[in-house]
N, C-alpha and C. Protein backbone atom coordinates (compact mmCIF):
# COMPACT_ATOMS: atom_id res chain seq x y z
N UNK A 1 114.95 76.24 185.11
CA UNK A 1 114.82 78.16 184.96
C UNK A 1 113.99 78.36 185.99
N UNK A 2 114.08 79.60 185.92
CA UNK A 2 113.39 80.13 187.30
C UNK A 2 113.06 81.13 186.49
N UNK A 3 111.69 81.12 186.85
CA UNK A 3 110.51 82.56 186.66
C UNK A 3 111.59 83.52 186.57
N UNK A 4 110.95 83.74 185.36
CA UNK A 4 111.50 85.79 185.38
C UNK A 4 111.00 87.00 186.54
N UNK A 5 111.18 87.15 187.29
CA UNK A 5 110.90 88.37 187.55
C UNK A 5 110.26 89.32 186.99
N UNK A 6 109.19 89.73 187.57
CA UNK A 6 108.09 90.71 186.87
C UNK A 6 108.43 92.02 187.43
N UNK A 7 108.84 92.44 186.67
CA UNK A 7 110.30 94.72 187.65
C UNK A 7 107.76 95.20 188.01
N UNK A 8 108.64 96.23 188.58
CA UNK A 8 106.92 96.58 189.12
C UNK A 8 106.91 98.37 188.90
N UNK A 9 105.59 98.43 187.81
CA UNK A 9 106.40 100.22 187.06
C UNK A 9 104.83 101.32 187.60
N UNK A 10 105.49 101.84 187.84
CA UNK A 10 104.40 103.54 188.43
C UNK A 10 104.46 104.67 187.74
N UNK A 11 103.25 105.08 186.61
CA UNK A 11 103.29 105.97 185.87
C UNK A 11 102.65 107.78 185.99
N UNK A 12 103.37 108.27 186.08
CA UNK A 12 102.53 109.49 186.33
C UNK A 12 102.43 110.40 184.88
N UNK A 13 100.91 110.62 184.88
CA UNK A 13 100.81 111.59 183.61
C UNK A 13 101.02 113.53 184.12
N UNK A 14 101.76 113.52 183.68
CA UNK A 14 102.17 115.49 183.60
C UNK A 14 100.68 115.46 183.21
N UNK A 15 100.31 116.63 184.17
CA UNK A 15 99.40 117.53 184.21
C UNK A 15 99.18 118.78 183.46
N UNK A 16 99.01 118.70 181.93
CA UNK A 16 99.18 119.17 180.67
C UNK A 16 98.50 120.42 180.62
N UNK A 17 97.12 119.64 180.72
CA UNK A 17 95.84 121.09 180.40
C UNK A 17 96.35 121.43 180.92
N UNK A 18 96.36 121.16 182.69
CA UNK A 18 96.55 122.48 183.64
C UNK A 18 97.24 123.40 183.55
N UNK A 19 98.52 122.90 183.12
CA UNK A 19 99.84 124.01 183.12
C UNK A 19 99.59 124.57 181.97
N UNK A 20 99.08 124.09 180.89
CA UNK A 20 99.06 125.13 179.10
C UNK A 20 97.69 126.21 179.26
N UNK A 21 96.83 125.71 180.44
CA UNK A 21 96.04 126.62 181.22
C UNK A 21 96.91 127.97 182.39
N UNK A 22 97.91 127.04 182.48
CA UNK A 22 98.88 128.07 183.47
C UNK A 22 99.43 129.43 182.42
N UNK A 23 100.07 128.16 181.51
CA UNK A 23 100.60 129.60 181.02
C UNK A 23 100.32 129.80 180.10
N UNK A 24 98.99 130.55 179.62
CA UNK A 24 98.39 130.97 178.60
C UNK A 24 97.79 132.03 179.31
N UNK A 25 97.69 132.07 181.06
CA UNK A 25 97.16 132.35 182.27
C UNK A 25 98.24 134.48 182.59
N UNK A 26 97.77 135.44 183.24
CA UNK A 26 98.40 136.39 183.58
C UNK A 26 98.87 136.20 185.02
N UNK A 27 98.53 135.56 185.84
CA UNK A 27 97.92 134.95 186.97
C UNK A 27 99.92 134.76 187.91
N UNK A 28 100.14 136.14 188.50
CA UNK A 28 101.85 135.93 188.85
C UNK A 28 101.63 135.45 189.38
N UNK A 29 101.42 134.12 189.79
CA UNK A 29 101.12 133.33 191.53
C UNK A 29 102.03 131.89 190.58
N UNK A 30 102.01 131.56 189.48
CA UNK A 30 101.71 130.59 188.99
C UNK A 30 103.18 131.12 188.20
N UNK A 31 103.88 131.96 188.03
CA UNK A 31 104.47 132.19 187.32
C UNK A 31 106.12 130.75 187.71
N UNK A 32 105.99 131.00 188.82
CA UNK A 32 107.37 129.83 188.99
C UNK A 32 107.15 128.43 188.06
N UNK A 33 105.55 128.23 188.51
CA UNK A 33 105.48 126.67 187.78
C UNK A 33 105.64 126.91 187.13
N UNK A 34 105.43 127.96 185.27
CA UNK A 34 105.07 127.31 184.10
C UNK A 34 107.13 128.07 183.30
N UNK A 35 107.47 129.08 184.92
CA UNK A 35 108.97 128.34 184.55
C UNK A 35 109.90 127.15 184.53
N UNK A 36 108.99 126.59 185.25
CA UNK A 36 109.70 125.17 185.49
C UNK A 36 108.65 123.73 184.37
N UNK A 37 108.23 124.49 183.98
CA UNK A 37 107.17 123.57 183.10
C UNK A 37 107.64 123.33 181.97
N UNK A 38 107.82 125.03 181.65
CA UNK A 38 108.26 125.98 180.12
C UNK A 38 110.01 125.00 179.60
N UNK A 39 111.06 124.98 181.70
CA UNK A 39 111.99 124.15 181.34
C UNK A 39 112.23 123.10 181.02
N UNK A 40 110.88 121.97 181.01
CA UNK A 40 111.14 120.54 180.47
C UNK A 40 110.68 120.44 178.90
N UNK A 41 110.95 121.67 178.27
CA UNK A 41 110.68 122.17 176.71
C UNK A 41 112.01 122.14 176.41
N UNK A 42 112.40 123.36 176.72
CA UNK A 42 113.46 124.30 176.16
C UNK A 42 114.37 122.94 176.20
N UNK A 43 115.49 123.99 174.84
CA UNK A 43 116.80 123.18 174.56
C UNK A 43 117.64 124.21 174.32
N UNK A 44 116.87 125.47 174.95
CA UNK A 44 117.60 126.84 174.07
C UNK A 44 119.19 126.81 175.04
N UNK A 45 120.82 126.33 174.92
CA UNK A 45 121.33 126.51 175.32
C UNK A 45 121.00 127.99 176.33
N UNK A 46 122.43 128.21 177.88
CA UNK A 46 122.44 129.50 177.93
C UNK A 46 123.41 129.99 178.54
N UNK A 47 124.72 129.21 177.92
CA UNK A 47 126.43 129.27 177.27
C UNK A 47 126.36 129.87 176.13
N UNK A 48 127.07 131.14 175.84
CA UNK A 48 127.98 131.83 174.71
C UNK A 48 129.11 132.10 174.76
N UNK A 49 129.73 131.80 175.65
CA UNK A 49 131.47 132.04 174.97
C UNK A 49 132.13 130.37 175.27
N UNK A 50 133.42 131.32 174.82
CA UNK A 50 134.32 129.25 174.76
C UNK A 50 134.10 129.00 173.80
N UNK A 51 135.04 127.64 173.15
CA UNK A 51 135.57 126.67 172.58
C UNK A 51 134.02 126.24 172.39
N UNK A 52 134.01 126.47 170.63
CA UNK A 52 132.09 125.46 170.25
C UNK A 52 131.93 123.82 171.17
N UNK A 53 132.99 122.97 171.19
CA UNK A 53 132.78 121.33 171.39
C UNK A 53 132.74 121.65 173.15
N UNK A 54 132.74 122.98 174.24
CA UNK A 54 132.69 123.05 176.02
C UNK A 54 131.72 124.22 175.80
N UNK A 55 131.01 124.72 174.62
CA UNK A 55 130.26 125.40 174.76
C UNK A 55 128.41 123.86 174.56
N UNK A 56 129.00 122.96 173.49
CA UNK A 56 128.58 122.15 173.56
C UNK A 56 127.67 121.26 174.40
N UNK A 57 129.50 120.70 174.89
CA UNK A 57 128.88 119.92 176.23
C UNK A 57 128.61 121.11 177.15
N UNK A 58 128.74 121.39 177.92
CA UNK A 58 128.48 122.88 178.62
C UNK A 58 126.61 123.15 178.36
N UNK A 59 126.33 123.09 177.75
CA UNK A 59 124.86 123.11 177.01
C UNK A 59 124.01 121.90 176.72
N UNK A 60 124.62 120.98 177.21
CA UNK A 60 123.68 119.74 177.00
C UNK A 60 123.65 119.77 178.38
N UNK A 61 125.09 119.49 179.62
CA UNK A 61 124.68 118.92 181.20
C UNK A 61 123.95 119.94 181.14
N UNK A 62 123.85 121.47 181.63
CA UNK A 62 122.89 122.65 181.83
C UNK A 62 121.38 121.88 181.45
N UNK A 63 120.74 121.61 180.40
CA UNK A 63 119.74 121.17 180.08
C UNK A 63 119.29 120.07 180.18
N UNK A 64 119.78 119.81 180.41
CA UNK A 64 119.82 117.82 180.99
C UNK A 64 119.32 118.52 182.74
N UNK A 65 120.26 119.39 183.89
CA UNK A 65 119.94 119.39 185.31
C UNK A 65 118.97 120.30 185.18
N UNK A 66 118.01 121.56 184.11
CA UNK A 66 117.76 121.62 184.17
C UNK A 66 115.94 121.29 184.24
N UNK A 67 116.63 120.06 182.94
CA UNK A 67 114.96 119.23 182.70
C UNK A 67 115.09 118.74 184.09
N UNK A 68 116.22 118.15 184.52
CA UNK A 68 115.44 117.16 186.31
C UNK A 68 115.09 117.93 186.74
N UNK A 69 115.52 119.19 187.40
CA UNK A 69 114.94 119.62 188.32
C UNK A 69 113.19 119.91 187.80
N UNK A 70 113.46 119.76 186.22
CA UNK A 70 112.10 120.53 186.30
C UNK A 70 110.60 119.78 186.70
N UNK A 71 111.59 118.78 186.49
CA UNK A 71 110.08 117.51 186.71
C UNK A 71 110.89 116.93 187.89
N UNK A 72 111.38 117.31 188.43
CA UNK A 72 111.35 117.03 190.22
C UNK A 72 110.33 117.59 190.82
N UNK A 73 110.26 118.37 190.46
CA UNK A 73 110.21 120.03 190.83
C UNK A 73 108.38 119.53 190.59
N UNK A 74 108.12 119.66 189.60
CA UNK A 74 107.08 119.98 189.07
C UNK A 74 105.34 118.57 189.75
N UNK A 75 106.83 117.26 189.64
CA UNK A 75 106.10 116.32 190.87
C UNK A 75 105.64 117.02 191.98
N UNK A 76 106.96 116.83 192.46
CA UNK A 76 107.27 118.00 194.53
C UNK A 76 105.57 118.11 194.75
N UNK A 77 105.15 119.60 193.27
CA UNK A 77 103.89 120.63 193.71
C UNK A 77 102.68 119.98 192.76
N UNK A 78 102.60 118.03 192.73
CA UNK A 78 101.20 117.64 192.40
C UNK A 78 100.49 118.21 191.15
N UNK A 79 102.13 118.14 190.14
CA UNK A 79 101.92 118.39 188.71
C UNK A 79 101.72 117.02 187.63
N UNK A 80 101.91 115.91 188.41
CA UNK A 80 101.50 114.65 187.95
C UNK A 80 101.26 113.67 188.56
N UNK A 81 100.12 113.25 187.70
CA UNK A 81 98.83 112.47 188.42
C UNK A 81 99.53 110.69 188.25
N UNK A 82 98.63 110.17 189.94
CA UNK A 82 99.52 108.56 189.35
C UNK A 82 98.50 107.72 188.72
N UNK A 83 98.97 107.36 188.02
CA UNK A 83 97.74 106.71 186.74
C UNK A 83 97.03 105.79 186.23
N UNK A 84 98.03 105.04 186.47
CA UNK A 84 98.90 103.40 186.47
C UNK A 84 99.68 102.79 187.26
N UNK A 85 99.97 101.65 188.09
CA UNK A 85 100.67 100.32 188.45
C UNK A 85 100.87 99.41 187.40
N UNK A 86 102.00 98.79 187.01
CA UNK A 86 101.86 98.08 186.33
C UNK A 86 103.07 97.02 186.04
N UNK A 87 102.34 96.09 185.57
CA UNK A 87 103.49 94.34 186.35
C UNK A 87 104.61 94.07 184.77
N UNK A 88 105.10 94.68 183.92
CA UNK A 88 105.65 94.08 183.01
C UNK A 88 107.26 94.11 183.12
N UNK A 89 108.43 93.73 181.50
CA UNK A 89 109.48 93.27 182.13
C UNK A 89 110.62 94.65 182.06
N UNK A 90 110.10 95.52 181.26
CA UNK A 90 110.61 97.21 181.09
C UNK A 90 110.25 97.95 180.22
N UNK A 91 110.19 99.81 180.74
CA UNK A 91 109.88 100.78 181.00
C UNK A 91 108.94 100.80 179.64
N UNK A 92 109.80 100.31 178.03
CA UNK A 92 108.81 100.33 177.16
C UNK A 92 108.22 99.22 176.95
N UNK A 93 107.71 97.90 176.86
CA UNK A 93 106.40 97.71 178.01
C UNK A 93 105.61 98.32 178.27
N UNK A 94 106.11 99.61 179.34
CA UNK A 94 105.08 99.83 180.76
C UNK A 94 103.95 101.08 179.06
N UNK A 95 105.58 101.69 178.34
CA UNK A 95 105.01 102.40 177.38
C UNK A 95 103.58 101.58 176.24
N UNK A 96 104.22 100.70 175.34
CA UNK A 96 103.18 99.99 174.97
C UNK A 96 101.66 99.54 174.89
N UNK A 97 102.07 99.54 176.84
CA UNK A 97 100.96 99.01 177.34
C UNK A 97 100.03 99.62 177.71
N UNK A 98 100.08 101.31 178.22
CA UNK A 98 99.63 102.80 178.58
C UNK A 98 99.15 103.52 176.96
N UNK A 99 99.26 103.53 176.01
CA UNK A 99 99.69 103.65 174.66
C UNK A 99 98.60 103.11 174.27
N UNK A 100 97.00 103.97 173.92
CA UNK A 100 95.96 103.82 173.05
C UNK A 100 96.57 103.35 171.14
N UNK A 101 96.75 102.98 171.11
CA UNK A 101 97.22 101.47 169.85
C UNK A 101 94.91 100.67 169.40
N UNK A 102 95.01 101.22 168.02
CA UNK A 102 93.51 101.07 167.97
C UNK A 102 92.98 100.74 168.73
N UNK A 103 92.60 101.01 170.01
CA UNK A 103 91.57 100.94 171.00
C UNK A 103 92.35 101.78 171.57
N UNK A 104 91.39 103.12 173.24
CA UNK A 104 92.10 103.24 174.43
C UNK A 104 92.40 101.95 175.52
N UNK A 105 94.02 102.16 175.92
CA UNK A 105 94.29 101.12 176.65
C UNK A 105 94.01 100.81 177.33
N UNK A 106 93.29 101.79 178.12
CA UNK A 106 93.01 101.47 179.75
C UNK A 106 91.28 100.80 179.59
N UNK A 107 90.28 100.06 177.54
CA UNK A 107 89.64 98.78 177.79
C UNK A 107 89.68 98.09 178.22
N UNK A 108 90.72 97.69 177.40
CA UNK A 108 91.62 95.83 177.52
C UNK A 108 91.72 95.64 179.26
N UNK A 109 91.01 94.26 178.66
CA UNK A 109 90.92 93.94 180.04
C UNK A 109 92.54 92.74 180.50
N UNK A 110 93.48 93.73 181.54
CA UNK A 110 94.63 93.28 181.47
C UNK A 110 94.62 92.61 183.09
N UNK A 111 94.99 92.17 183.06
CA UNK A 111 95.13 92.62 184.82
C UNK A 111 96.82 92.62 184.99
N UNK A 112 97.61 92.92 184.43
CA UNK A 112 98.56 93.02 184.79
C UNK A 112 98.75 94.36 184.66
N UNK A 113 97.59 95.45 184.63
CA UNK A 113 97.63 96.89 184.92
C UNK A 113 96.30 97.62 186.05
N UNK A 114 96.56 98.11 187.01
CA UNK A 114 95.73 98.66 188.12
C UNK A 114 95.84 99.99 187.27
N UNK A 115 94.18 101.17 187.09
CA UNK A 115 93.85 101.80 186.73
C UNK A 115 93.39 102.65 187.74
N UNK A 116 94.46 103.88 188.47
CA UNK A 116 93.44 104.35 189.82
C UNK A 116 92.83 105.82 189.17
N UNK A 117 93.19 106.15 187.74
CA UNK A 117 91.31 106.84 187.29
C UNK A 117 91.21 106.41 186.65
N UNK A 118 89.91 106.94 185.87
CA UNK A 118 89.19 106.57 185.61
C UNK A 118 88.90 106.68 184.28
N UNK A 119 89.90 108.18 182.85
CA UNK A 119 90.54 107.83 182.09
C UNK A 119 91.20 107.94 181.73
N UNK A 120 92.29 107.69 180.88
CA UNK A 120 93.53 107.98 181.59
C UNK A 120 94.16 109.03 180.42
N UNK A 121 94.59 109.31 179.91
CA UNK A 121 95.61 109.57 178.63
C UNK A 121 96.54 108.86 178.50
N UNK A 122 97.14 107.88 177.03
CA UNK A 122 98.18 108.00 176.19
C UNK A 122 99.04 108.00 177.53
N UNK A 123 100.24 107.54 177.61
CA UNK A 123 101.04 108.02 178.46
C UNK A 123 102.01 108.47 177.28
N UNK A 124 102.65 109.45 176.98
CA UNK A 124 103.52 110.26 176.44
C UNK A 124 105.03 110.40 176.93
N UNK A 125 105.75 111.43 175.83
CA UNK A 125 106.83 111.70 176.17
C UNK A 125 106.72 113.31 177.45
N UNK A 126 107.36 112.73 178.60
CA UNK A 126 107.27 113.88 180.01
C UNK A 126 105.92 113.78 180.90
N UNK A 127 105.88 112.73 180.72
CA UNK A 127 105.16 111.35 181.79
C UNK A 127 106.73 110.88 182.57
N UNK A 128 106.98 110.19 183.50
CA UNK A 128 107.35 109.56 184.62
C UNK A 128 107.00 108.08 184.66
N UNK A 129 108.01 107.28 184.79
CA UNK A 129 107.71 106.09 184.70
C UNK A 129 108.38 106.10 186.28
N UNK A 130 107.79 104.63 187.06
CA UNK A 130 108.86 105.19 188.94
C UNK A 130 109.35 103.44 188.21
N UNK A 131 110.69 103.13 188.93
CA UNK A 131 110.41 101.64 188.83
C UNK A 131 111.15 101.60 190.03
N UNK A 132 110.74 100.72 190.36
CA UNK A 132 111.32 100.64 191.95
C UNK A 132 111.52 101.62 192.83
N UNK A 133 110.63 102.74 192.37
CA UNK A 133 109.97 103.78 193.26
C UNK A 133 111.65 104.47 192.82
N UNK A 134 112.54 104.55 191.72
CA UNK A 134 113.67 105.29 191.56
C UNK A 134 112.49 106.23 190.05
N UNK A 135 113.01 107.46 190.10
CA UNK A 135 112.27 107.65 188.54
C UNK A 135 113.45 108.27 187.24
N UNK A 136 112.32 108.00 186.57
CA UNK A 136 112.39 108.39 184.85
C UNK A 136 111.52 109.32 184.29
N UNK A 137 111.62 110.24 183.00
CA UNK A 137 110.92 110.61 182.58
C UNK A 137 110.99 110.22 181.34
N UNK A 138 110.04 110.26 180.13
CA UNK A 138 110.37 109.80 179.28
C UNK A 138 110.32 110.54 178.30
N UNK A 139 111.45 110.21 177.17
CA UNK A 139 111.45 111.23 176.18
C UNK A 139 111.48 110.84 174.76
N UNK A 140 111.38 111.77 173.82
CA UNK A 140 111.24 111.57 172.35
C UNK A 140 112.68 110.07 172.13
N UNK A 141 113.84 109.80 173.03
CA UNK A 141 114.45 109.48 173.05
C UNK A 141 115.09 108.39 173.40
N UNK A 142 114.56 108.55 174.23
CA UNK A 142 114.78 106.97 175.51
C UNK A 142 113.94 108.01 177.51
N UNK A 143 115.48 106.81 178.67
CA UNK A 143 114.22 107.67 179.50
C UNK A 143 115.38 108.92 180.25
N UNK A 144 115.28 109.48 180.86
CA UNK A 144 115.87 110.31 181.80
C UNK A 144 115.88 109.31 182.57
N UNK A 145 117.00 109.04 183.34
CA UNK A 145 117.01 108.91 185.37
C UNK A 145 117.41 110.08 185.90
N UNK A 146 116.03 110.59 186.61
CA UNK A 146 116.10 111.52 187.01
C UNK A 146 116.60 111.46 188.27
N UNK A 147 116.93 110.50 189.33
CA UNK A 147 118.14 110.78 189.76
C UNK A 147 119.71 111.06 189.78
N UNK A 148 120.16 110.28 189.10
CA UNK A 148 121.55 110.75 188.50
C UNK A 148 121.59 111.44 187.09
N UNK A 149 120.54 111.80 186.66
CA UNK A 149 119.80 113.16 186.14
C UNK A 149 121.59 112.97 184.60
N UNK A 150 120.49 111.45 184.04
CA UNK A 150 121.24 111.54 182.76
C UNK A 150 121.12 110.11 181.94
N UNK A 151 120.26 109.65 180.89
CA UNK A 151 119.66 109.51 179.45
C UNK A 151 120.21 107.66 180.56
N UNK A 152 118.87 107.19 180.73
CA UNK A 152 119.70 105.56 180.73
C UNK A 152 119.89 105.38 179.46
N UNK A 153 121.13 104.76 179.45
CA UNK A 153 121.82 103.82 178.26
C UNK A 153 120.97 102.43 178.12
N UNK A 154 120.92 101.66 179.55
CA UNK A 154 120.72 100.19 179.35
C UNK A 154 118.66 100.49 179.83
N UNK A 155 118.05 98.47 179.56
CA UNK A 155 117.28 99.32 179.59
C UNK A 155 116.54 98.91 181.59
N UNK A 156 115.55 100.05 181.37
CA UNK A 156 114.63 100.49 182.22
C UNK A 156 113.39 99.77 182.90
């Protein structure tokens, strides 16, 4: 039996504190970034006509498109910080390894994690995990494949 292949993952954390501060401010130059940030969290549909099933499908597709665009644009603009690289079998394991459970995750001696920042927080919703360079957005109910603009149904 061949040894199991370990998949490389890179974790990026959304710079929440900086974005929340911008959201509270009144600086007109940050309005576009704030709009993107709010677009990550917004679930409100932007359609109001037609048959209900069609409205729900359109709203869902529009929300997904908006979240994907917002996440990728915030990444492009530097509002995600590269936190660590992880050797793991799947993204769910990456989450387990980069979340504080009974102790700060980054204080555990783990040769499978290479940390790039001094005191990272836990990996949470709206953070990104790249697998072989392909971006996935961590969501409360799984991962969004940002390139394909859909929830990932398989193992990430």
